[in-house]
Amino acid sequence: MSDCQQHPQDQPGPRSCPPQIANCRNRYFLGKFLRPRDFQFEQNYFLSRHRLHNRVLHGWGIACGLEVIAPSDPEWSECAKGCDPCHPPMAIIKPGLALDPCGRELIVEYPLFVPTFEEWLPPETSTQEGLGKEGTKSTPWPDQHDRLLYLYYDEVNIDETAALCADPGGEPEYNFVRETVRIGSIPIEGLNDKHPMCWHDPREAWPTADTCLKPDQSCPQPFVPLAVIKPAVSEERPYVEGEPFPIEPPDMSGRRTIAGPNLTSIKGTNWDHGQHFDLEEKGGQLDIWFSRPLSKLITDDLLPHIFAVSYRKKEEVGEVKVKYENIYVLLQEKSGIQVDPQDRSHVKLCVPRNLFNDLSDATVYVTIECDFLLDWNGVPVDGNLMAARCDGKSESLGWKHGNGTPGGVFKSWFRVPKKAS
């Protein structure tokens, strides 16, 4: 029965992955005497197979959310509601979901408050009793090094109860096990020397796993990295006890994300694919809506390389009235492309008014290079336009968008009505 041994409890800190995949399950029959280990085997079997499915078919990393924000972030005041004013957090982790290298779910339903790292506190405030004294200012001290903030899976026994068959004075038992997440950090310096794939350079591709069934060991322990936190203590921004510890905006560029089946897609446009669309009546604005907000890494400088609008028009040349088609680019400057600052799931493409006459009886093409368009999880938008239908009718026949793969090229077009001469 060695294959059915239970994984023992780990010491505080990230729990190691179970050493093997459970391969035996209960066989029930009438009159079977059930012991606690039988029910433990039952749970262990399904948990083991479920987590194997997670890590092999989906990998590990952040599925959604879990953004880390600093006090300078506009969302800070909203997320910080409910925190202890005497012990203000240094940063806040927004709600989200991740899978750790063991395939275990890390679920954060409410904002998590990140306390100041013990390693960053001066000696006189390095204990819990020293926190909260107001008015003490400090300048940088030697132990302020950039640290990698991470989440890890943990279990807590809850609902203490007395066991009916236990020996008098024995250890109490608990009715339930609560699955939870905890916050940890390690110095980022030197991490990439031993674990280069833990905090990844976004310019490089993620490597394939060395083994199929064994958990990934990119990080020193089975945790999920969230952000690199850099201290910003200086004479201009001193550390004041009772106030948030000064930090730079968290660096989230190297964290690993999971594409998953629930990708961000293009939810809709203000034109009907393949149909007539009066661009002048709409003030020259083309609207594109996505199913999720776009990443803040998508800056104004990048937009002209991702979104393109052009048009094709037949023209007559010479006495013979030969007709040929030319393609013209409509948007060449970033001023005509904008991500709505109030709703980052909305992109506006504005065609200059002085081109309206040239667009009469023209076909306008909209192209989006979605390999470079990241959503708020850092995953490319699923941009392929599939099974678009247009048969000349005036009403929109709809489209099927996305093929379940991150990235791709979105292409759509419409016809501008011909103006009366």
Protein backbone atom coordinates (compact mmCIF):
# COMPACT_ATOMS: atom_id res chain seq x y z
CA MET A 1 0.00 0.00 0.00
CA SER A 2 2.97 2.34 -0.43
CA ASP A 3 1.21 3.99 -3.37
CA CYS A 4 -1.52 5.18 -1.04
CA GLN A 5 0.60 6.87 1.61
CA GLN A 6 -0.63 10.31 2.59
CA HIS A 7 1.53 13.39 2.17
CA PRO A 8 2.64 14.61 5.61
CA GLN A 9 2.12 18.17 6.85
CA ASP A 10 4.89 20.57 5.83
CA GLN A 11 6.71 23.15 7.91
CA PRO A 12 5.63 26.82 7.71
CA GLY A 13 6.29 28.35 4.28
CA PRO A 14 5.42 27.10 0.79
CA ARG A 15 4.24 23.50 0.95
CA SER A 16 6.13 21.08 -1.25
CA CYS A 17 4.24 19.13 -3.89
CA PRO A 18 3.03 15.61 -3.04
CA PRO A 19 5.79 13.14 -3.95
CA GLN A 20 3.64 11.01 -6.21
CA ILE A 21 0.35 10.82 -8.08
CA ALA A 22 -2.39 8.95 -6.22
CA ASN A 23 -3.25 5.75 -8.07
CA CYS A 24 -5.64 3.93 -5.74
CA ARG A 25 -9.21 4.80 -4.85
CA ASN A 26 -11.84 3.29 -2.66
CA ARG A 27 -13.87 0.30 -3.73
CA TYR A 28 -17.13 0.28 -1.79
CA PHE A 29 -19.15 -2.79 -0.90
CA LEU A 30 -21.97 -3.56 1.49
CA GLY A 31 -20.71 -3.97 5.04
CA LYS A 32 -17.32 -2.28 4.45
CA PHE A 33 -15.86 -0.82 7.63
CA LEU A 34 -14.74 2.75 6.86
CA ARG A 35 -11.91 4.40 8.74
CA PRO A 36 -10.59 7.99 8.51
CA ARG A 37 -7.82 6.89 6.13
CA ASP A 38 -10.42 5.59 3.67
CA PHE A 39 -11.98 9.05 3.39
CA GLN A 40 -8.51 10.61 3.21
CA PHE A 41 -7.65 8.32 0.29
CA GLU A 42 -10.87 9.41 -1.41
CA GLN A 43 -9.98 13.10 -1.15
CA ASN A 44 -6.33 12.50 -2.01
CA TYR A 45 -7.17 10.61 -5.19
CA PHE A 46 -9.38 13.29 -6.69
CA LEU A 47 -7.20 16.19 -5.51
CA SER A 48 -4.11 14.51 -6.95
CA ARG A 49 -5.74 13.89 -10.35
CA HIS A 50 -7.31 17.36 -10.45
CA ARG A 51 -4.00 19.08 -9.72
CA LEU A 52 -2.21 16.86 -12.23
CA HIS A 53 -4.73 18.05 -14.82
CA ASN A 54 -4.13 21.67 -13.86
CA ARG A 55 -0.36 21.64 -14.14
CA VAL A 56 -0.07 19.43 -17.24
CA LEU A 57 -2.90 20.87 -19.34
CA HIS A 58 -2.82 24.48 -18.11
CA GLY A 59 0.65 24.97 -16.62
CA TRP A 60 1.26 27.27 -13.69
CA GLY A 61 1.07 31.03 -13.25
CA ILE A 62 -1.52 33.77 -12.98
CA ALA A 63 -4.87 33.08 -14.63
CA CYS A 64 -6.46 36.47 -13.91
CA GLY A 65 -6.04 39.52 -11.68
CA LEU A 66 -3.52 39.58 -8.80
CA GLU A 67 -2.14 42.94 -9.87
CA VAL A 68 0.07 44.60 -7.25
CA ILE A 69 -0.50 48.31 -6.67
CA ALA A 70 1.41 50.92 -4.66
CA PRO A 71 -0.02 53.89 -2.68
CA SER A 72 0.62 56.12 -5.72
CA ASP A 73 -1.81 54.08 -7.84
CA PRO A 74 -5.21 55.75 -8.56
CA GLU A 75 -7.01 52.59 -7.35
CA TRP A 76 -5.28 52.63 -3.95
CA SER A 77 -7.99 54.48 -2.01
CA GLU A 78 -10.69 52.10 -3.22
CA CYS A 79 -8.68 48.91 -2.58
CA ALA A 80 -7.35 50.08 0.82
CA LYS A 81 -10.79 50.28 2.43
CA GLY A 82 -10.83 48.18 5.59
CA CYS A 83 -7.09 48.16 6.26
CA ASP A 84 -5.75 48.94 9.74
CA PRO A 85 -4.85 52.67 9.78
CA CYS A 86 -2.24 52.03 12.48
CA HIS A 87 -0.47 49.46 10.28
CA PRO A 88 -0.97 50.67 6.69
CA PRO A 89 0.03 48.19 3.97
CA MET A 90 3.06 48.77 1.78
CA ALA A 91 1.24 47.40 -1.28
CA ILE A 92 -2.05 45.74 -2.15
CA ILE A 93 -2.67 42.57 -4.19
CA LYS A 94 -5.92 42.77 -6.13
CA PRO A 95 -8.30 39.77 -6.31
CA GLY A 96 -7.52 37.04 -8.80
CA LEU A 97 -6.65 33.40 -9.42
CA ALA A 98 -3.39 31.55 -9.99
CA LEU A 99 -2.18 27.96 -10.22
CA ASP A 100 1.04 27.06 -8.40
CA PRO A 101 3.62 24.59 -9.82
CA CYS A 102 1.84 21.74 -7.99
CA GLY A 103 -1.45 22.55 -9.76
CA ARG A 104 -3.09 23.96 -6.60
CA GLU A 105 -5.45 26.91 -6.93
CA LEU A 106 -4.50 30.19 -5.26
CA ILE A 107 -7.76 32.10 -4.94
CA VAL A 108 -7.80 35.69 -3.71
CA GLU A 109 -11.38 36.92 -3.36
CA TYR A 110 -10.65 40.23 -1.64
CA PRO A 111 -7.71 42.68 -1.75
CA LEU A 112 -4.68 41.36 0.16
CA PHE A 113 -2.70 43.89 2.19
CA VAL A 114 1.06 43.47 1.94
CA PRO A 115 2.83 44.54 5.16
CA THR A 116 6.26 46.13 5.06
CA PHE A 117 8.94 43.49 4.70
CA GLU A 118 10.70 42.80 8.01
CA GLU A 119 14.03 42.98 6.17
CA TRP A 120 13.32 46.59 5.23
CA LEU A 121 12.52 47.87 8.71
CA PRO A 122 15.21 49.60 10.77
CA PRO A 123 16.40 47.71 13.87
CA GLU A 124 14.30 49.77 16.29
CA THR A 125 11.07 48.90 14.43
CA SER A 126 11.80 45.33 13.39
CA THR A 127 9.30 43.85 15.86
CA GLN A 128 5.53 44.07 15.82
CA GLU A 129 5.56 46.13 19.04
CA GLY A 130 7.67 48.80 17.37
CA LEU A 131 5.24 49.42 14.54
CA GLY A 132 2.71 52.19 14.57
CA LYS A 133 4.76 54.90 16.33
CA GLU A 134 4.10 58.06 14.41
CA GLY A 135 6.53 60.84 13.70
CA THR A 136 9.74 58.80 13.41
CA LYS A 137 11.51 59.44 10.13
CA SER A 138 14.28 57.29 8.71
CA THR A 139 16.74 57.46 5.83
CA PRO A 140 17.89 54.45 3.79
CA TRP A 141 19.67 51.66 5.67
CA PRO A 142 21.89 48.88 4.27
CA ASP A 143 19.33 46.04 4.11
CA GLN A 144 17.04 47.69 1.56
CA HIS A 145 17.30 45.41 -1.47
CA ASP A 146 14.70 44.70 -4.14
CA ARG A 147 12.52 41.73 -3.21
CA LEU A 148 10.29 39.37 -5.17
CA LEU A 149 6.74 39.28 -3.81
CA TYR A 150 4.96 35.94 -4.20
CA LEU A 151 1.89 33.96 -3.14
CA TYR A 152 1.87 30.37 -1.96
CA TYR A 153 -0.71 27.76 -1.03
CA ASP A 154 -1.39 26.83 2.59
CA GLU A 155 -3.87 24.83 4.66
CA VAL A 156 -5.28 25.67 8.09
CA ASN A 157 -7.16 23.27 10.37
CA ILE A 158 -10.30 24.96 11.72
CA ASP A 159 -13.32 24.21 13.91
CA GLU A 160 -11.68 22.46 16.86
CA THR A 161 -13.73 19.64 18.33
CA ALA A 162 -13.40 16.76 20.75
CA ALA A 163 -12.91 13.30 19.29
CA LEU A 164 -15.27 10.73 20.83
CA CYS A 165 -12.69 7.95 20.88
CA ALA A 166 -9.63 10.04 21.76
CA ASP A 167 -7.59 9.50 24.91
CA PRO A 168 -8.33 11.94 27.76
CA GLY A 169 -5.99 14.91 27.49
CA GLY A 170 -5.03 14.04 23.91
CA GLU A 171 -4.57 16.43 21.04
CA PRO A 172 -7.76 18.14 19.79
CA GLU A 173 -9.18 17.32 16.38
CA TYR A 174 -10.52 19.67 13.73
CA ASN A 175 -13.58 19.32 11.54
CA PHE A 176 -12.35 21.16 8.45
CA VAL A 177 -9.28 22.14 6.46
CA ARG A 178 -9.37 25.64 5.04
CA GLU A 179 -7.37 26.21 1.86
CA THR A 180 -5.80 29.66 1.86
CA VAL A 181 -2.97 31.70 0.38
CA ARG A 182 -0.09 33.45 2.09
CA ILE A 183 2.33 36.21 1.13
CA GLY A 184 6.10 35.76 1.02
CA SER A 185 9.17 37.45 -0.42
CA ILE A 186 12.77 36.67 -1.28
CA PRO A 187 15.65 38.85 -2.51
CA ILE A 188 15.57 39.22 -6.29
CA GLU A 189 19.34 39.64 -6.39
CA GLY A 190 20.98 36.39 -7.39
CA LEU A 191 17.65 34.60 -8.00
CA ASN A 192 18.15 34.40 -11.77
CA ASP A 193 21.58 32.85 -11.31
CA LYS A 194 20.11 29.65 -9.85
CA HIS A 195 16.51 29.94 -11.06
CA PRO A 196 16.50 31.93 -14.32
CA MET A 197 12.95 30.91 -15.20
CA CYS A 198 11.32 31.96 -11.91
CA TRP A 199 11.16 35.68 -12.64
CA HIS A 200 11.24 35.71 -16.41
CA ASP A 201 12.57 38.21 -18.93
CA PRO A 202 9.43 39.07 -20.97
CA ARG A 203 11.54 39.38 -24.13
CA GLU A 204 12.28 35.65 -24.07
CA ALA A 205 10.00 32.69 -24.66
CA TRP A 206 8.92 30.46 -21.81
CA PRO A 207 10.77 27.14 -21.90
CA THR A 208 9.00 23.83 -22.14
CA ALA A 209 8.92 21.65 -19.05
CA ASP A 210 11.77 19.20 -18.60
CA THR A 211 9.37 16.53 -17.41
CA CYS A 212 5.76 15.82 -18.19
CA LEU A 213 4.28 14.56 -14.93
CA LYS A 214 6.58 16.09 -12.33
CA PRO A 215 5.88 19.60 -11.01
CA ASP A 216 7.85 22.46 -12.54
CA GLN A 217 10.84 23.55 -10.46
CA SER A 218 11.55 26.94 -12.01
CA CYS A 219 11.35 28.63 -8.60
CA PRO A 220 13.16 27.67 -5.37
CA GLN A 221 9.82 26.58 -3.86
CA PRO A 222 6.31 26.04 -5.28
CA PHE A 223 5.11 29.64 -5.20
CA VAL A 224 3.73 32.07 -7.79
CA PRO A 225 5.76 35.29 -8.27
CA LEU A 226 3.69 38.48 -8.49
CA ALA A 227 5.99 41.51 -8.65
CA VAL A 228 9.39 42.92 -7.81
CA ILE A 229 9.06 45.51 -5.04
CA LYS A 230 11.70 48.23 -4.97
CA PRO A 231 12.11 50.52 -1.94
CA ALA A 232 11.99 54.27 -2.58
CA VAL A 233 13.15 55.65 0.76
CA SER A 234 15.14 58.87 0.35
CA GLU A 235 15.53 62.29 1.93
CA GLU A 236 12.60 63.46 -0.22
CA ARG A 237 10.49 60.39 0.62
CA PRO A 238 11.44 59.34 4.17
CA TYR A 239 9.94 56.37 5.96
CA VAL A 240 7.45 57.57 8.57
CA GLU A 241 6.14 54.96 10.97
CA GLY A 242 2.38 54.71 10.77
CA GLU A 243 2.42 55.56 7.06
CA PRO A 244 2.87 53.27 4.00
CA PHE A 245 6.48 52.35 3.34
CA PRO A 246 7.69 54.28 0.23
CA ILE A 247 8.07 51.96 -2.78
CA GLU A 248 8.42 52.35 -6.52
CA PRO A 249 5.53 51.22 -8.77
CA PRO A 250 5.68 47.39 -8.64
CA ASP A 251 7.43 45.70 -11.57
CA MET A 252 5.13 42.97 -12.91
CA SER A 253 6.88 42.45 -16.25
CA GLY A 254 8.42 39.05 -15.43
CA ARG A 255 5.47 37.17 -13.98
CA ARG A 256 4.10 34.08 -15.64
CA THR A 257 0.52 34.06 -16.90
CA ILE A 258 -1.76 31.26 -18.06
CA ALA A 259 -3.54 31.74 -21.35
CA GLY A 260 -6.32 29.27 -20.58
CA PRO A 261 -9.50 28.79 -22.59
CA ASN A 262 -11.09 32.02 -21.34
CA LEU A 263 -9.12 34.46 -23.48
CA THR A 264 -9.85 38.11 -24.04
CA SER A 265 -11.61 38.65 -27.35
CA ILE A 266 -13.10 41.46 -29.41
CA LYS A 267 -16.63 41.85 -28.10
CA GLY A 268 -17.96 44.17 -30.77
CA THR A 269 -17.51 47.12 -33.11
CA ASN A 270 -19.74 50.04 -34.13
CA TRP A 271 -19.72 48.84 -37.75
CA ASP A 272 -21.17 45.66 -39.26
CA HIS A 273 -18.59 43.50 -40.96
CA GLY A 274 -18.89 43.65 -44.77
CA GLN A 275 -21.85 46.04 -44.70
CA HIS A 276 -22.36 49.74 -45.46
CA PHE A 277 -21.28 52.14 -42.73
CA ASP A 278 -21.64 55.93 -42.92
CA LEU A 279 -18.36 57.05 -41.41
CA GLU A 280 -19.19 60.75 -41.72
CA GLU A 281 -22.44 60.28 -39.80
CA LYS A 282 -20.42 58.78 -36.91
CA GLY A 283 -18.01 61.72 -36.89
CA GLY A 284 -15.24 59.55 -38.28
CA GLN A 285 -14.99 57.42 -35.13
CA LEU A 286 -14.56 53.66 -35.19
CA ASP A 287 -15.22 51.93 -31.83
CA ILE A 288 -13.82 48.56 -30.81
CA TRP A 289 -14.80 46.88 -27.53
CA PHE A 290 -12.88 44.04 -25.88
CA SER A 291 -14.17 41.52 -23.34
CA ARG A 292 -11.52 42.62 -20.80
CA PRO A 293 -9.50 45.79 -20.19
CA LEU A 294 -6.21 46.09 -22.04
CA SER A 295 -2.86 46.08 -20.27
CA LYS A 296 -1.38 49.37 -19.11
CA LEU A 297 1.75 48.31 -20.98
CA ILE A 298 -0.11 49.18 -24.21
CA THR A 299 1.04 52.80 -24.47
CA ASP A 300 0.20 55.45 -27.06
CA ASP A 301 3.52 54.84 -28.81
CA LEU A 302 2.63 51.20 -29.44
CA LEU A 303 -0.89 51.75 -30.74
CA PRO A 304 0.05 52.76 -34.35
CA HIS A 305 2.00 49.49 -34.69
CA ILE A 306 -1.01 47.42 -33.55
CA PHE A 307 -4.04 49.16 -35.13
CA ALA A 308 -4.17 50.01 -38.85
CA VAL A 309 -6.97 51.53 -40.94
CA SER A 310 -6.73 51.76 -44.72
CA TYR A 311 -9.10 52.03 -47.64
CA ARG A 312 -9.34 50.75 -51.20
CA LYS A 313 -11.02 52.77 -53.91
CA LYS A 314 -11.61 52.33 -57.63
CA GLU A 315 -10.46 55.25 -59.78
CA GLU A 316 -10.80 56.05 -63.46
CA VAL A 317 -7.77 57.03 -65.53
CA GLY A 318 -7.65 58.49 -69.04
CA GLU A 319 -10.23 58.61 -71.80
CA VAL A 320 -10.70 54.87 -71.74
CA LYS A 321 -11.96 55.14 -68.11
CA VAL A 322 -9.81 52.28 -66.92
CA LYS A 323 -10.63 51.46 -63.31
CA TYR A 324 -7.93 50.43 -60.87
CA GLU A 325 -7.71 50.19 -57.09
CA ASN A 326 -5.31 51.98 -54.80
CA ILE A 327 -4.80 51.39 -51.07
CA TYR A 328 -4.35 54.40 -48.81
CA VAL A 329 -3.44 54.48 -45.14
CA LEU A 330 -5.89 56.49 -43.04
CA LEU A 331 -4.23 56.48 -39.62
CA GLN A 332 -0.51 57.08 -39.55
CA GLU A 333 -0.19 59.00 -36.28
CA LYS A 334 -0.92 57.90 -32.74
CA SER A 335 -3.19 60.93 -32.26
CA GLY A 336 -5.94 59.11 -34.16
CA ILE A 337 -5.84 55.99 -31.93
CA GLN A 338 -6.81 56.07 -28.28
CA VAL A 339 -7.53 53.63 -25.46
CA ASP A 340 -10.36 55.07 -23.39
CA PRO A 341 -8.72 56.08 -20.08
CA GLN A 342 -11.98 55.50 -18.19
CA ASP A 343 -12.63 52.11 -19.80
CA ARG A 344 -9.53 50.33 -21.09
CA SER A 345 -11.71 47.73 -22.83
CA HIS A 346 -12.70 50.41 -25.37
CA VAL A 347 -10.46 51.62 -28.23
CA LYS A 348 -11.34 54.59 -30.46
CA LEU A 349 -10.00 55.04 -34.00
CA CYS A 350 -10.64 58.55 -35.32
CA VAL A 351 -10.48 59.18 -39.10
CA PRO A 352 -9.64 62.84 -39.99
CA ARG A 353 -12.60 64.80 -41.33
CA ASN A 354 -10.63 66.12 -44.30
CA LEU A 355 -10.62 62.58 -45.72
CA PHE A 356 -14.39 62.08 -45.72
CA ASN A 357 -14.79 63.10 -49.38
CA ASP A 358 -12.05 60.68 -50.45
CA LEU A 359 -13.85 57.84 -48.70
CA SER A 360 -17.00 58.08 -50.79
CA ASP A 361 -17.73 54.64 -52.30
CA ALA A 362 -14.55 53.21 -50.76
CA THR A 363 -13.93 50.01 -48.82
CA VAL A 364 -12.34 50.61 -45.42
CA TYR A 365 -10.19 47.90 -43.81
CA VAL A 366 -9.46 47.62 -40.09
CA THR A 367 -6.53 45.43 -39.02
CA ILE A 368 -5.38 44.64 -35.47
CA GLU A 369 -2.12 42.80 -34.80
CA CYS A 370 -3.29 40.97 -31.68
CA ASP A 371 0.03 39.19 -31.07
CA PHE A 372 1.21 42.51 -29.64
CA LEU A 373 -2.07 43.51 -27.93
CA LEU A 374 -2.02 42.35 -24.30
CA ASP A 375 -5.00 42.21 -21.96
CA TRP A 376 -4.86 43.09 -18.25
CA ASN A 377 -3.43 39.62 -17.51
CA GLY A 378 -0.55 40.14 -19.92
CA VAL A 379 -1.98 37.56 -22.38
CA PRO A 380 -2.36 38.43 -26.10
CA VAL A 381 -5.92 39.04 -27.22
CA ASP A 382 -7.52 36.19 -29.20
CA GLY A 383 -7.91 38.22 -32.38
CA ASN A 384 -8.79 35.87 -35.22
CA LEU A 385 -12.09 36.72 -36.91
CA MET A 386 -13.70 33.40 -37.73
CA ALA A 387 -16.68 32.60 -39.97
CA ALA A 388 -17.66 36.18 -40.80
CA ARG A 389 -20.77 36.27 -42.98
CA CYS A 390 -21.79 38.91 -45.48
CA ASP A 391 -24.05 38.34 -48.49
CA GLY A 392 -24.95 41.87 -49.51
CA LYS A 393 -27.98 42.20 -47.28
CA SER A 394 -28.38 45.39 -45.29
CA GLU A 395 -28.80 43.71 -41.94
CA SER A 396 -25.85 42.41 -39.95
CA LEU A 397 -25.51 38.64 -40.00
CA GLY A 398 -23.01 38.57 -37.14
CA TRP A 399 -19.66 36.85 -36.75
CA LYS A 400 -17.82 34.22 -34.75
CA HIS A 401 -14.76 35.68 -33.12
CA GLY A 402 -11.68 33.91 -31.75
CA ASN A 403 -10.17 30.47 -32.30
CA GLY A 404 -9.09 29.76 -28.70
CA THR A 405 -5.45 30.73 -29.31
CA PRO A 406 -3.75 33.87 -27.95
CA GLY A 407 -2.81 36.41 -30.60
CA GLY A 408 -3.62 36.37 -34.28
CA VAL A 409 -4.70 39.06 -36.73
CA PHE A 410 -8.13 40.66 -36.68
CA LYS A 411 -9.32 41.81 -40.11
CA SER A 412 -12.65 43.41 -40.90
CA TRP A 413 -13.97 45.79 -43.54
CA PHE A 414 -17.01 47.87 -44.42
CA ARG A 415 -18.26 49.92 -47.38
CA VAL A 416 -18.68 53.70 -47.19
CA PRO A 417 -21.84 54.82 -49.09
CA LYS A 418 -21.31 56.81 -52.29
CA LYS A 419 -22.12 60.48 -51.97
CA ALA A 420 -24.46 62.11 -54.44
CA SER A 421 -22.55 64.30 -56.89
